[in-house]
C-alpha cells in the first residue's frame, strides 16, 4: 500500500470569518472562501479540474457548490463525515491529485447553522445513522461523561478537574483574541470559566464550543507543480481517517476516558508521515476541542502527553502559543467556531499560515510539521481524521 507522503501540496487557502453570519448566505461564504484561495494560489475558477464539497445541512448533491462557483461540467463530489466532513473533503481532493485523476483540485467546506434557530446542532439526522443512545443524548452530556470518567481515572477531584478544563478554555480564548476571523475574540479569566453556568456537569458554558456559520477552502496540486504556483507550498505528509465500530456504549471494556479512533488514526498518520516521536517532531497542532475535555484527552491519545500526564503538561504551559507544542493557536473550535462542514479545512488554514510564517500575532517560532485532528461523533462512537503537513518536501 503506497503512501501519499510528498505527492500532493496545498498552494492556496481561504477562510471567511466564522460566527453569526446572518448577512451572508451559503453562496456568499462559498464564493468568499474559494476566491481567497484562488487569489492565494494565483489561479482562476476555470483552472479547477475537480472539487470536493463538505457539508451536512445545506442539502444534497454537488450543485450546492457548483452553482455559485460556476464549476460547470466538472466532477464535484459532495462529502459528509459528521464533524470530520471538512477533512474528508480535503482527503478526497488530495487522493484524486495523488492518483493522477486531476492536477488542480478544490476542497471546500461550508455550514450555515445560526439561521436554523437551534441552540446546538439541528436534530434532523436520520435515525439509521445513529444508535438509540446517540439519538437520545445531547453532545454536552456525552462529553460530560468523558470528563467525569477522566477525572475518576486520574484521581482528580471535581474542583481540580474543572480548573484543568478552565485552563484550556482560557488558553483558547487568548488565542482566539489574536484571530481576526474567530467567532469569539475576547479573553476570559480562570475564575470566569470555573464559575460559568453549567451546561452538563461538570462542563460549563466556557467548556463548550459554539455552533457557527463559516466556510474554508484549499487548492490542492501535484507536489512537482507546487512551486510554479508559489514559493512556499505546504506538502501533505499523511492523510488518515479512522472509523470506529460504534461499540463504546455497549462495551464494558471502554473506559470513556479516551477516543480509540483518535489513537489509531494518530498511529496510522505517524507511520505514513515517518514521525517517530510526535511529542517532539510536531511543531503545531489544531485539534477538535468541541469541548475542553476533548482537547485534554486528545493530548494523550495523539501521544503529545504520556498517559495520565496531560494535566501536568497543561499546567506547565506546554500547549500555549509560547510553549513547546502550541495547540489551537487560532482559538480552536472553542473560539474560532464550529460550522461542521468547514471546521477541518479551517484547521488546515491555520496550520498552513503558521508553516508559511504568516500567522501574525499568533505566529510560533520556526514550525516545520503541523497536524490537524478532526473528530465526528461521540466518545465510544467516533470518526477521526488526522492530517500531517510540512513546509519541506
Protein backbone atom coordinates (compact mmCIF):
# COMPACT_ATOMS: atom_id res chain seq x y z
CA UNK A 1 0.00 0.00 0.00
CA UNK A 2 1.54 3.30 -1.11
CA UNK A 3 1.79 6.46 0.96
CA UNK A 4 0.51 9.88 -0.08
CA UNK A 5 3.57 11.50 1.54
CA UNK A 6 5.02 14.36 -0.53
CA UNK A 7 2.88 13.59 -3.58
CA UNK A 8 0.47 16.48 -3.06
CA UNK A 9 0.75 20.11 -1.95
CA UNK A 10 -1.60 22.87 -0.84
CA UNK A 11 -0.85 26.09 -2.75
CA UNK A 12 -3.77 28.28 -1.74
CA UNK A 13 -6.29 28.58 1.09
CA UNK A 14 -9.19 30.80 2.05
CA UNK A 15 -11.40 31.18 5.11
CA UNK A 16 -14.24 33.55 5.93
CA UNK A 17 -14.84 34.99 9.38
CA UNK A 18 -16.75 32.44 11.43
CA UNK A 19 -19.69 33.40 13.62
CA UNK A 20 -23.25 34.65 13.31
CA UNK A 21 -23.09 35.49 9.63
CA UNK A 22 -26.72 36.48 9.24
CA UNK A 23 -25.76 38.88 6.45
CA UNK A 24 -24.18 36.13 4.32
CA UNK A 25 -25.77 33.21 2.51
CA UNK A 26 -24.14 29.85 1.92
CA UNK A 27 -23.36 31.03 -1.62
CA UNK A 28 -21.70 34.20 -0.28
CA UNK A 29 -19.44 32.27 2.09
CA UNK A 30 -18.51 29.67 -0.54
CA UNK A 31 -17.57 32.41 -3.00
CA UNK A 32 -15.55 34.39 -0.44
CA UNK A 33 -13.59 31.34 0.77
CA UNK A 34 -12.98 29.99 -2.73
CA UNK A 35 -11.86 33.29 -4.23
CA UNK A 36 -9.47 33.96 -1.35
CA UNK A 37 -7.97 30.53 -2.06
CA UNK A 38 -7.85 31.25 -5.81
CA UNK A 39 -6.05 34.55 -5.22
CA UNK A 40 -3.65 32.90 -2.76
CA UNK A 41 -2.76 30.24 -5.36
CA UNK A 42 -2.70 32.67 -8.28
CA UNK A 43 -5.37 30.77 -10.23
CA UNK A 44 -8.86 31.37 -11.58
CA UNK A 45 -12.05 29.37 -11.26
CA UNK A 46 -11.59 27.95 -14.76
CA UNK A 47 -8.37 26.24 -13.62
CA UNK A 48 -10.21 23.93 -11.19
CA UNK A 49 -10.46 20.43 -12.66
CA UNK A 50 -12.45 18.77 -9.85
CA UNK A 51 -13.91 19.75 -6.49
CA UNK A 52 -14.80 18.10 -3.18
CA UNK A 53 -17.52 19.83 -1.17
CA UNK A 54 -18.02 19.19 2.55
CA UNK A 55 -21.39 19.96 4.12
CA UNK A 56 -24.06 18.36 6.31
CA UNK A 57 -27.17 20.50 6.36
CA UNK A 58 -27.30 22.61 3.18
CA UNK A 59 -28.90 19.90 1.05
CA UNK A 60 -27.91 17.26 -1.48
CA UNK A 61 -25.51 16.93 -4.45
CA UNK A 62 -22.52 18.96 -5.56
CA UNK A 63 -24.78 21.50 -7.24
CA UNK A 64 -24.80 23.48 -3.99
CA UNK A 65 -21.15 24.25 -4.70
CA UNK A 66 -21.09 24.14 -8.49
CA UNK A 67 -23.83 26.74 -8.98
CA UNK A 68 -22.36 29.73 -7.08
CA UNK A 69 -18.79 28.98 -8.18
CA UNK A 70 -19.80 28.28 -11.82
CA UNK A 71 -17.98 24.93 -11.76
CA UNK A 72 -19.99 23.59 -14.66
CA UNK A 73 -19.43 20.17 -16.22
CA UNK A 74 -16.55 19.06 -13.99
CA UNK A 75 -16.61 16.43 -11.23
CA UNK A 76 -17.98 17.88 -7.98
CA UNK A 77 -18.29 15.42 -5.09
CA UNK A 78 -20.45 16.16 -2.04
CA UNK A 79 -18.84 14.60 1.05
CA UNK A 80 -20.14 14.08 4.58
CA UNK A 81 -18.48 12.50 7.61
CA UNK A 82 -20.08 14.22 10.60
CA UNK A 83 -17.79 16.81 12.21
CA UNK A 84 -14.85 15.40 10.21
CA UNK A 85 -16.53 16.46 6.96
CA UNK A 86 -14.10 19.27 6.08
CA UNK A 87 -11.14 16.94 6.44
CA UNK A 88 -12.93 14.32 4.34
CA UNK A 89 -13.31 16.87 1.52
CA UNK A 90 -9.60 17.67 1.69
CA UNK A 91 -8.71 13.99 1.78
CA UNK A 92 -10.79 13.32 -1.34
CA UNK A 93 -9.11 16.13 -3.25
CA UNK A 94 -5.64 15.05 -2.14
CA UNK A 95 -6.13 11.41 -3.10
CA UNK A 96 -7.53 12.36 -6.53
CA UNK A 97 -4.49 14.52 -7.26
CA UNK A 98 -2.11 11.88 -5.92
CA UNK A 99 -3.77 9.27 -8.14
CA UNK A 100 -3.34 11.44 -11.22
CA UNK A 101 -7.08 11.86 -11.79
CA UNK A 102 -6.57 15.64 -11.83
CA UNK A 103 -3.76 18.14 -11.35
CA UNK A 104 -5.60 21.00 -9.64
CA UNK A 105 -8.46 20.33 -7.23
CA UNK A 106 -10.59 22.40 -4.88
CA UNK A 107 -11.55 21.21 -1.39
CA UNK A 108 -14.12 23.39 0.32
CA UNK A 109 -16.48 23.14 3.28
CA UNK A 110 -19.36 25.29 4.46
CA UNK A 111 -22.11 25.29 7.06
CA UNK A 112 -24.77 27.81 7.98
CA UNK A 113 -26.18 26.86 11.37
CA UNK A 114 -27.20 30.12 13.03
CA UNK A 115 -30.31 30.52 10.86
CA UNK A 116 -31.70 27.16 11.99
CA UNK A 117 -32.88 28.52 15.33
CA UNK A 118 -31.35 25.62 17.26
CA UNK A 119 -29.17 26.34 20.29
CA UNK A 120 -26.99 23.39 19.28
CA UNK A 121 -26.92 21.25 16.16
CA UNK A 122 -30.16 20.65 14.23
CA UNK A 123 -31.76 17.38 15.29
CA UNK A 124 -32.69 16.24 11.79
CA UNK A 125 -30.24 13.40 11.13
CA UNK A 126 -31.72 10.05 10.01
CA UNK A 127 -32.08 7.66 12.94
CA UNK A 128 -30.43 4.91 10.89
CA UNK A 129 -27.08 6.67 11.20
CA UNK A 130 -27.09 6.75 14.99
CA UNK A 131 -27.59 4.34 17.85
CA UNK A 132 -30.56 4.90 20.16
CA UNK A 133 -28.17 6.26 22.78
CA UNK A 134 -26.80 8.89 20.43
CA UNK A 135 -30.26 9.95 19.29
CA UNK A 136 -31.45 10.44 22.87
CA UNK A 137 -28.41 12.14 24.44
CA UNK A 138 -27.02 15.61 23.76
CA UNK A 139 -23.40 16.18 22.79
CA UNK A 140 -22.61 18.05 26.04
CA UNK A 141 -23.99 15.13 28.05
CA UNK A 142 -21.86 12.61 26.17
CA UNK A 143 -18.66 14.56 26.68
CA UNK A 144 -19.59 15.33 30.29
CA UNK A 145 -19.49 11.57 30.87
CA UNK A 146 -15.99 11.58 29.42
CA UNK A 147 -14.92 14.37 31.77
CA UNK A 148 -16.29 12.54 34.81
CA UNK A 149 -14.54 9.32 33.82
CA UNK A 150 -11.23 11.06 33.09
CA UNK A 151 -11.31 12.76 36.48
CA UNK A 152 -12.00 9.45 38.24
CA UNK A 153 -9.38 7.52 36.28
CA UNK A 154 -6.70 10.09 37.09
CA UNK A 155 -7.71 10.75 40.72
CA UNK A 156 -8.75 14.36 40.11
CA UNK A 157 -11.32 15.96 42.37
CA UNK A 158 -14.21 17.80 40.74
CA UNK A 159 -12.55 21.13 41.60
CA UNK A 160 -9.18 20.02 40.22
CA UNK A 161 -10.77 18.70 37.04
CA UNK A 162 -12.84 21.81 36.43
CA UNK A 163 -9.77 24.02 36.96
CA UNK A 164 -7.83 21.97 34.43
CA UNK A 165 -10.58 22.33 31.83
CA UNK A 166 -10.85 26.04 32.61
CA UNK A 167 -7.15 26.48 31.80
CA UNK A 168 -7.78 25.02 28.34
CA UNK A 169 -10.68 27.44 27.83
CA UNK A 170 -8.58 30.41 28.97
CA UNK A 171 -5.77 29.41 26.58
CA UNK A 172 -8.09 29.08 23.63
CA UNK A 173 -9.87 32.35 24.37
CA UNK A 174 -6.48 34.08 24.47
CA UNK A 175 -5.58 32.55 21.11
CA UNK A 176 -8.98 33.49 19.70
CA UNK A 177 -8.42 37.10 20.76
CA UNK A 178 -5.46 37.13 18.34
CA UNK A 179 -7.52 35.69 15.44
CA UNK A 180 -9.39 38.29 13.35
CA UNK A 181 -11.61 35.63 11.75
CA UNK A 182 -12.58 33.90 15.03
CA UNK A 183 -16.16 33.95 16.30
CA UNK A 184 -15.08 34.84 19.86
CA UNK A 185 -12.23 37.32 20.22
CA UNK A 186 -12.39 38.06 23.93
CA UNK A 187 -10.10 36.76 26.66
CA UNK A 188 -11.58 35.27 29.82
CA UNK A 189 -10.22 34.61 33.31
CA UNK A 190 -9.86 31.29 35.06
CA UNK A 191 -12.47 32.37 37.60
CA UNK A 192 -14.95 33.28 34.86
CA UNK A 193 -14.57 29.86 33.25
CA UNK A 194 -14.89 27.97 36.52
CA UNK A 195 -17.96 29.89 37.71
CA UNK A 196 -19.82 29.81 34.39
CA UNK A 197 -23.31 28.30 34.27
CA UNK A 198 -23.32 24.52 34.00
CA UNK A 199 -24.37 23.04 30.65
CA UNK A 200 -23.93 19.38 31.58
CA UNK A 201 -21.96 18.78 34.76
CA UNK A 202 -19.03 19.11 35.03
CA UNK A 203 -18.96 21.06 31.75
CA UNK A 204 -19.82 24.74 31.98
CA UNK A 205 -20.56 27.36 29.35
CA UNK A 206 -16.90 28.03 28.54
CA UNK A 207 -16.14 24.33 28.16
CA UNK A 208 -18.37 24.12 25.05
CA UNK A 209 -17.69 25.33 21.52
CA UNK A 210 -20.33 27.36 19.67
CA UNK A 211 -22.19 26.41 16.52
CA UNK A 212 -21.35 28.79 13.72
CA UNK A 213 -21.63 29.90 10.13
CA UNK A 214 -18.46 29.68 8.06
CA UNK A 215 -16.55 28.35 5.06
CA UNK A 216 -12.94 27.41 4.28
CA UNK A 217 -11.20 26.21 1.12
CA UNK A 218 -7.94 24.73 -0.17
CA UNK A 219 -6.31 24.42 -3.59
CA UNK A 220 -4.52 21.10 -3.99
CA UNK A 221 -1.96 20.33 -6.73
CA UNK A 222 0.70 17.76 -7.59
CA UNK A 223 3.81 18.29 -5.46
CA UNK A 224 6.06 18.58 -8.51
CA UNK A 225 3.93 21.50 -9.74
CA UNK A 226 3.66 23.30 -6.41
CA UNK A 227 6.48 25.82 -6.69
CA UNK A 228 5.17 27.04 -10.03
CA UNK A 229 2.23 28.43 -8.03
CA UNK A 230 4.08 29.83 -5.02
CA UNK A 231 7.50 29.69 -3.33
CA UNK A 232 6.13 28.31 -0.04
CA UNK A 233 3.71 25.43 -0.68
CA UNK A 234 2.71 23.11 2.13
CA UNK A 235 3.23 19.40 1.45
CA UNK A 236 0.89 16.62 2.55
CA UNK A 237 2.73 14.05 4.69
CA UNK A 238 -0.19 11.92 5.84
CA UNK A 239 -3.96 11.87 5.46
CA UNK A 240 -5.73 9.28 7.61
CA UNK A 241 -9.34 8.71 8.63
CA UNK A 242 -10.37 6.10 11.22
CA UNK A 243 -13.96 4.95 11.63
CA UNK A 244 -14.77 3.12 14.85
CA UNK A 245 -17.25 0.24 15.29
CA UNK A 246 -19.61 2.33 17.47
CA UNK A 247 -19.42 -0.12 20.34
CA UNK A 248 -18.34 2.13 23.21
CA UNK A 249 -21.78 2.32 24.76
CA UNK A 250 -22.08 -1.47 24.78
CA UNK A 251 -18.57 -2.49 25.79
CA UNK A 252 -17.66 -2.73 29.48
CA UNK A 253 -14.01 -2.56 28.39
CA UNK A 254 -14.37 1.04 27.17
CA UNK A 255 -13.06 3.42 29.82
CA UNK A 256 -14.83 6.54 28.46
CA UNK A 257 -11.62 8.48 29.13
CA UNK A 258 -10.11 8.27 25.66
CA UNK A 259 -11.13 8.01 22.00
CA UNK A 260 -9.73 4.87 20.40
CA UNK A 261 -10.31 6.22 16.91
CA UNK A 262 -8.01 9.17 17.70
CA UNK A 263 -5.28 6.85 18.95
CA UNK A 264 -5.45 4.65 15.88
CA UNK A 265 -5.73 7.49 13.37
CA UNK A 266 -2.71 9.10 15.01
CA UNK A 267 -0.65 5.91 14.85
CA UNK A 268 -1.54 5.43 11.16
CA UNK A 269 -0.74 9.06 10.30
CA UNK A 270 2.60 8.99 12.13
CA UNK A 271 3.56 5.82 10.29
CA UNK A 272 2.63 7.32 6.92
CA UNK A 273 4.47 10.59 7.64
CA UNK A 274 7.54 8.89 9.15
CA UNK A 275 7.01 10.51 12.56
CA UNK A 276 8.74 8.57 15.33
CA UNK A 277 8.24 10.91 18.29
CA UNK A 278 5.16 13.11 17.79
CA UNK A 279 5.62 14.96 21.07
CA UNK A 280 8.97 16.25 19.78
CA UNK A 281 8.52 16.29 16.00
CA UNK A 282 5.14 18.00 15.63
CA UNK A 283 5.55 21.80 15.67
CA UNK A 284 1.89 22.79 15.94
CA UNK A 285 -1.49 21.05 16.09
CA UNK A 286 -5.08 22.11 15.54
CA UNK A 287 -7.30 19.61 17.36
CA UNK A 288 -11.03 19.06 17.75
CA UNK A 289 -11.81 20.85 21.00
CA UNK A 290 -15.59 20.63 20.68
CA UNK A 291 -15.40 20.54 24.48
CA UNK A 292 -12.40 21.27 26.69
CA UNK A 293 -12.33 17.65 27.88
CA UNK A 294 -11.89 16.56 24.26
CA UNK A 295 -8.73 18.63 23.89
CA UNK A 296 -7.44 17.19 27.17
CA UNK A 297 -7.90 13.57 26.11
CA UNK A 298 -6.57 14.24 22.59
CA UNK A 299 -3.23 15.29 24.10
CA UNK A 300 -2.77 11.76 25.39
CA UNK A 301 -4.46 9.93 22.51
CA UNK A 302 -2.12 11.60 19.98
CA UNK A 303 0.91 10.89 22.21
CA UNK A 304 1.65 14.56 22.86
CA UNK A 305 1.47 13.73 26.57
CA UNK A 306 2.11 10.45 28.32
CA UNK A 307 -0.98 8.65 29.62
CA UNK A 308 -2.27 10.49 32.67
CA UNK A 309 0.29 13.29 32.28
CA UNK A 310 -1.71 15.79 30.19
CA UNK A 311 -2.76 17.69 33.35
CA UNK A 312 0.91 18.33 34.17
CA UNK A 313 1.66 19.47 30.63
CA UNK A 314 -1.34 21.81 30.61
CA UNK A 315 -0.33 23.31 33.94
CA UNK A 316 3.23 23.83 32.66
CA UNK A 317 2.07 25.84 29.63
CA UNK A 318 3.40 23.28 27.15
CA UNK A 319 0.41 23.77 24.83
CA UNK A 320 0.30 27.58 24.86
CA UNK A 321 1.49 29.68 21.89
CA UNK A 322 4.89 30.15 23.54
CA UNK A 323 5.07 26.53 24.71
CA UNK A 324 6.90 23.52 23.32
CA UNK A 325 3.88 22.30 21.30
CA UNK A 326 1.29 25.03 20.65
CA UNK A 327 -2.26 23.70 20.33
CA UNK A 328 -5.17 25.52 18.68
CA UNK A 329 -3.28 28.75 18.04
CA UNK A 330 -6.31 30.30 16.32
CA UNK A 331 -8.64 29.57 19.26
CA UNK A 332 -9.81 26.15 18.10
CA UNK A 333 -13.45 25.18 17.85
CA UNK A 334 -13.87 26.75 21.28
CA UNK A 335 -13.34 30.29 19.97
CA UNK A 336 -12.98 30.19 16.19
CA UNK A 337 -16.34 28.40 16.00
CA UNK A 338 -17.64 25.14 14.56
CA UNK A 339 -19.54 25.22 11.26
CA UNK A 340 -19.46 21.46 10.80
CA UNK A 341 -18.58 21.17 7.12
CA UNK A 342 -15.87 23.84 7.27
CA UNK A 343 -14.03 23.04 10.51
CA UNK A 344 -11.48 20.54 9.18
CA UNK A 345 -10.43 22.95 6.44
CA UNK A 346 -10.30 25.86 8.91
CA UNK A 347 -7.87 23.82 11.00
CA UNK A 348 -5.67 23.30 7.94
CA UNK A 349 -5.94 27.01 7.11
CA UNK A 350 -4.32 27.88 10.44
CA UNK A 351 -1.58 25.25 10.10
CA UNK A 352 -0.94 26.40 6.51
CA UNK A 353 -0.49 30.02 7.63
CA UNK A 354 1.70 29.02 10.57
CA UNK A 355 4.01 26.89 8.42
CA UNK A 356 4.37 29.81 6.00
CA UNK A 357 5.17 32.24 8.83
CA UNK A 358 2.04 34.30 8.10
CA UNK A 359 0.02 33.93 11.31
CA UNK A 360 0.69 37.49 12.53
CA UNK A 361 0.36 37.83 16.33
CA UNK A 362 -0.26 34.09 16.69
CA UNK A 363 2.91 33.09 14.85
CA UNK A 364 5.01 30.42 16.54
CA UNK A 365 8.76 30.02 16.13
CA UNK A 366 10.17 28.03 13.22
CA UNK A 367 7.39 25.46 12.63
CA UNK A 368 8.21 22.59 10.26
CA UNK A 369 5.49 19.96 10.76
CA UNK A 370 1.82 20.62 11.53
CA UNK A 371 -1.08 18.32 12.39
CA UNK A 372 -4.85 18.62 12.24
CA UNK A 373 -7.23 16.38 14.20
CA UNK A 374 -10.90 16.48 13.25
CA UNK A 375 -13.42 14.31 15.13
CA UNK A 376 -17.02 13.44 14.43
CA UNK A 377 -19.45 11.56 16.63
CA UNK A 378 -19.24 10.90 20.36
CA UNK A 379 -16.89 9.16 22.83
CA UNK A 380 -17.22 5.48 22.01
CA UNK A 381 -18.69 6.15 18.57
CA UNK A 382 -16.37 8.40 16.59
CA UNK A 383 -14.85 9.04 13.19
CA UNK A 384 -11.47 10.78 13.32
CA UNK A 385 -9.26 12.42 10.71
CA UNK A 386 -5.58 13.09 11.33
CA UNK A 387 -3.65 15.00 8.68
CA UNK A 388 0.05 15.88 8.81
CA UNK A 389 1.67 18.53 6.61
CA UNK A 390 5.07 20.16 6.36
CA UNK A 391 6.81 23.12 4.73
CA UNK A 392 9.69 21.00 3.44
CA UNK A 393 9.45 18.21 0.88
